[in-house]
C-alpha cells in the first residue's frame, strides 16, 4: 500500500543510512521498526505477571489426593 508520511529530516537520514548498510529498502526498515514498536505496545498491555497470594501452611493433610477431585470436595465439605 502506498502512503505519505512526514519524518524528521535527521530520522529519515538515519533510516536511509541503516537501509543502505543492511542492504534493505527504506520501506523495509520503516516497516520493521513499526512492527517492533507495535509488538512492544502489545506486550505492555498484557501487564505484569499475576502474583497469587500464598500463606505458610503444613502442606496436605494425610490422605488428601489432589488428583481425585470428588474425594477432595467430600473432604472439604466434612471440614465445614
N, C-alpha and C. Protein backbone atom coordinates (compact mmCIF):
# COMPACT_ATOMS: atom_id res chain seq x y z
N UNK A 1 0.85 -1.17 0.00
CA UNK A 1 0.00 0.00 0.00
C UNK A 1 0.90 1.24 0.00
N UNK A 2 0.50 2.22 -0.68
CA UNK A 2 1.27 3.44 -0.79
C UNK A 2 0.66 4.50 0.10
N UNK A 3 1.51 5.20 0.85
CA UNK A 3 1.04 6.27 1.72
C UNK A 3 2.14 7.31 1.86
N UNK A 4 1.79 8.45 2.39
CA UNK A 4 2.76 9.51 2.60
C UNK A 4 2.87 9.79 4.09
N UNK A 5 4.10 9.84 4.58
CA UNK A 5 4.33 10.19 5.97
C UNK A 5 5.38 11.30 6.01
N UNK A 6 5.31 12.12 7.04
CA UNK A 6 6.30 13.17 7.23
C UNK A 6 7.23 12.73 8.34
N UNK A 7 8.52 12.71 8.05
CA UNK A 7 9.52 12.29 9.02
C UNK A 7 10.49 13.43 9.28
N UNK A 8 11.00 13.48 10.48
CA UNK A 8 12.07 14.40 10.82
C UNK A 8 13.24 14.13 9.88
N UNK A 9 13.90 15.17 9.41
CA UNK A 9 14.98 15.02 8.42
C UNK A 9 16.11 14.15 8.97
N UNK A 10 16.46 14.33 10.24
CA UNK A 10 17.52 13.51 10.83
C UNK A 10 17.14 12.05 10.94
N UNK A 11 15.89 11.80 11.31
CA UNK A 11 15.39 10.44 11.42
C UNK A 11 15.40 9.76 10.05
N UNK A 12 14.96 10.48 9.04
CA UNK A 12 14.95 9.93 7.68
C UNK A 12 16.37 9.61 7.22
N UNK A 13 17.31 10.50 7.51
CA UNK A 13 18.70 10.27 7.11
C UNK A 13 19.25 9.02 7.80
N UNK A 14 18.95 8.87 9.10
CA UNK A 14 19.40 7.68 9.84
C UNK A 14 18.78 6.41 9.27
N UNK A 15 17.50 6.47 8.93
CA UNK A 15 16.81 5.30 8.38
C UNK A 15 17.39 4.93 7.01
N UNK A 16 17.68 5.93 6.18
CA UNK A 16 18.28 5.66 4.87
C UNK A 16 19.66 5.05 5.03
N UNK A 17 20.43 5.54 5.99
CA UNK A 17 21.77 5.01 6.24
C UNK A 17 21.68 3.55 6.69
N UNK A 18 20.76 3.27 7.60
CA UNK A 18 20.56 1.90 8.07
C UNK A 18 20.15 0.98 6.92
N UNK A 19 19.26 1.47 6.07
CA UNK A 19 18.82 0.67 4.93
C UNK A 19 19.99 0.34 4.00
N UNK A 20 20.81 1.34 3.72
CA UNK A 20 21.95 1.11 2.84
C UNK A 20 22.95 0.14 3.46
N UNK A 21 23.23 0.32 4.75
CA UNK A 21 24.20 -0.55 5.44
C UNK A 21 23.72 -1.99 5.56
N UNK A 22 22.42 -2.16 5.68
CA UNK A 22 21.88 -3.51 5.86
C UNK A 22 21.42 -4.15 4.56
N UNK A 23 21.48 -3.41 3.48
CA UNK A 23 21.06 -3.96 2.19
C UNK A 23 19.56 -4.12 2.07
N UNK A 24 18.82 -3.33 2.84
CA UNK A 24 17.36 -3.39 2.79
C UNK A 24 16.82 -2.10 2.16
N UNK A 25 15.58 -2.16 1.78
CA UNK A 25 14.94 -0.94 1.28
C UNK A 25 14.55 -0.06 2.46
N UNK A 26 14.37 1.22 2.19
CA UNK A 26 13.90 2.14 3.23
C UNK A 26 12.54 1.69 3.73
N UNK A 27 11.69 1.24 2.84
CA UNK A 27 10.36 0.76 3.23
C UNK A 27 10.48 -0.39 4.22
N UNK A 28 11.38 -1.32 3.96
CA UNK A 28 11.55 -2.47 4.84
C UNK A 28 12.03 -2.04 6.24
N UNK A 29 12.97 -1.10 6.27
CA UNK A 29 13.48 -0.61 7.56
C UNK A 29 12.36 0.05 8.36
N UNK A 30 11.55 0.86 7.71
CA UNK A 30 10.45 1.54 8.39
C UNK A 30 9.40 0.53 8.85
N UNK A 31 9.07 -0.44 7.99
CA UNK A 31 8.10 -1.47 8.38
C UNK A 31 8.58 -2.27 9.59
N UNK A 32 9.85 -2.68 9.57
CA UNK A 32 10.40 -3.46 10.68
C UNK A 32 10.36 -2.66 11.98
N UNK A 33 10.73 -1.38 11.91
CA UNK A 33 10.73 -0.54 13.11
C UNK A 33 9.31 -0.39 13.65
N UNK A 34 8.35 -0.21 12.77
CA UNK A 34 6.96 -0.06 13.19
C UNK A 34 6.43 -1.36 13.80
N UNK A 35 6.79 -2.49 13.20
CA UNK A 35 6.37 -3.78 13.75
C UNK A 35 6.92 -3.99 15.15
N UNK A 36 8.20 -3.66 15.35
CA UNK A 36 8.80 -3.81 16.68
C UNK A 36 8.11 -2.92 17.70
N UNK A 37 7.81 -1.70 17.33
CA UNK A 37 7.13 -0.77 18.24
C UNK A 37 5.75 -1.30 18.60
N UNK A 38 5.01 -1.77 17.63
CA UNK A 38 3.67 -2.29 17.89
C UNK A 38 3.72 -3.56 18.75
N UNK A 39 4.71 -4.40 18.53
CA UNK A 39 4.85 -5.62 19.34
C UNK A 39 5.13 -5.26 20.80
N UNK A 40 5.97 -4.26 21.04
CA UNK A 40 6.27 -3.84 22.42
C UNK A 40 5.03 -3.27 23.08
N UNK A 41 4.21 -2.53 22.35
CA UNK A 41 2.98 -1.98 22.90
C UNK A 41 2.04 -3.10 23.31
N UNK A 42 1.94 -4.13 22.49
CA UNK A 42 1.08 -5.27 22.79
C UNK A 42 1.56 -5.98 24.04
N UNK A 43 2.88 -6.15 24.19
CA UNK A 43 3.42 -6.81 25.37
C UNK A 43 3.12 -6.01 26.63
N UNK A 44 3.19 -4.70 26.56
CA UNK A 44 2.91 -3.85 27.72
C UNK A 44 1.46 -3.95 28.16
N UNK A 45 0.56 -4.09 27.20
CA UNK A 45 -0.86 -4.17 27.55
C UNK A 45 -1.18 -5.43 28.33
N UNK A 46 -0.38 -6.46 28.17
CA UNK A 46 -0.64 -7.70 28.88
C UNK A 46 -0.47 -7.51 30.38
N UNK A 47 0.36 -6.59 30.78
CA UNK A 47 0.56 -6.31 32.19
C UNK A 47 1.56 -7.24 32.84
N UNK A 48 1.84 -6.96 34.07
CA UNK A 48 2.81 -7.79 34.79
C UNK A 48 2.22 -9.17 35.09
N UNK A 49 3.08 -10.13 35.35
CA UNK A 49 2.57 -11.46 35.68
C UNK A 49 1.69 -11.42 36.92
N UNK A 50 0.68 -12.22 36.92
CA UNK A 50 -0.24 -12.30 38.05
C UNK A 50 0.47 -12.94 39.23
N UNK A 51 0.42 -12.31 40.38
CA UNK A 51 1.01 -12.86 41.58
C UNK A 51 -0.12 -13.30 42.51
N UNK A 52 -0.13 -14.57 42.84
CA UNK A 52 -1.15 -15.11 43.72
C UNK A 52 -0.66 -15.06 45.16
N UNK A 53 -1.52 -14.66 46.07
CA UNK A 53 -1.09 -14.63 47.47
C UNK A 53 -0.89 -16.05 47.98
N UNK A 54 0.13 -16.22 48.78
CA UNK A 54 0.39 -17.53 49.38
C UNK A 54 0.52 -17.37 50.88
N UNK A 55 0.27 -18.46 51.57
CA UNK A 55 0.42 -18.44 53.03
C UNK A 55 1.23 -19.65 53.44
N UNK A 56 1.83 -19.54 54.58
CA UNK A 56 2.57 -20.68 55.10
C UNK A 56 1.57 -21.68 55.64
N UNK A 57 1.88 -22.92 55.47
CA UNK A 57 0.98 -23.96 55.96
C UNK A 57 1.75 -25.23 56.27
N UNK A 58 1.00 -26.25 56.56
CA UNK A 58 1.64 -27.52 56.91
C UNK A 58 1.60 -28.51 55.75
N UNK A 59 1.18 -28.07 54.59
CA UNK A 59 1.09 -28.97 53.44
C UNK A 59 -0.24 -29.69 53.42
N UNK A 60 -0.31 -30.75 52.65
CA UNK A 60 -1.54 -31.52 52.52
C UNK A 60 -1.79 -32.37 53.77
N UNK A 61 -3.05 -32.50 54.06
CA UNK A 61 -3.43 -33.39 55.17
C UNK A 61 -3.23 -34.84 54.72
N UNK A 62 -2.96 -35.73 55.65
CA UNK A 62 -2.80 -37.14 55.28
C UNK A 62 -4.05 -37.65 54.57
N UNK A 63 -3.85 -38.40 53.51
CA UNK A 63 -4.96 -38.99 52.78
C UNK A 63 -5.55 -38.10 51.70
N UNK A 64 -5.08 -36.87 51.55
CA UNK A 64 -5.62 -35.97 50.52
C UNK A 64 -4.92 -36.26 49.20
N UNK A 65 -5.73 -36.50 48.16
CA UNK A 65 -5.20 -36.76 46.83
C UNK A 65 -5.74 -35.66 45.90
N UNK A 66 -4.88 -34.76 45.47
CA UNK A 66 -5.33 -33.64 44.63
C UNK A 66 -5.81 -34.09 43.26
N UNK A 67 -5.46 -35.31 42.85
CA UNK A 67 -5.92 -35.83 41.56
C UNK A 67 -7.33 -36.41 41.63
N UNK A 68 -7.87 -36.58 42.81
CA UNK A 68 -9.22 -37.13 43.00
C UNK A 68 -10.13 -35.99 43.47
N UNK A 69 -10.70 -35.27 42.52
CA UNK A 69 -11.47 -34.07 42.86
C UNK A 69 -12.74 -34.40 43.65
N UNK A 70 -13.36 -35.53 43.39
CA UNK A 70 -14.58 -35.88 44.12
C UNK A 70 -14.26 -36.13 45.60
N UNK A 71 -13.17 -36.85 45.85
CA UNK A 71 -12.78 -37.12 47.24
C UNK A 71 -12.33 -35.83 47.92
N UNK A 72 -11.68 -34.97 47.17
CA UNK A 72 -11.22 -33.70 47.73
C UNK A 72 -12.42 -32.84 48.13
N UNK A 73 -13.43 -32.77 47.27
CA UNK A 73 -14.63 -32.00 47.59
C UNK A 73 -15.33 -32.57 48.82
N UNK A 74 -15.42 -33.89 48.85
CA UNK A 74 -16.05 -34.54 50.01
C UNK A 74 -15.29 -34.20 51.29
N UNK A 75 -13.99 -34.24 51.24
CA UNK A 75 -13.15 -33.95 52.40
C UNK A 75 -13.33 -32.51 52.84
N UNK A 76 -13.43 -31.58 51.87
CA UNK A 76 -13.60 -30.17 52.19
C UNK A 76 -14.96 -29.93 52.84
N UNK A 77 -15.99 -30.64 52.38
CA UNK A 77 -17.32 -30.48 52.95
C UNK A 77 -17.37 -31.03 54.37
N UNK A 78 -16.60 -32.05 54.66
CA UNK A 78 -16.55 -32.61 56.00
C UNK A 78 -16.03 -31.59 57.01
N UNK A 79 -15.10 -30.77 56.58
CA UNK A 79 -14.46 -29.81 57.47
C UNK A 79 -15.32 -28.57 57.72
N UNK A 80 -16.36 -28.39 56.91
CA UNK A 80 -17.20 -27.19 57.06
C UNK A 80 -18.14 -27.28 58.22
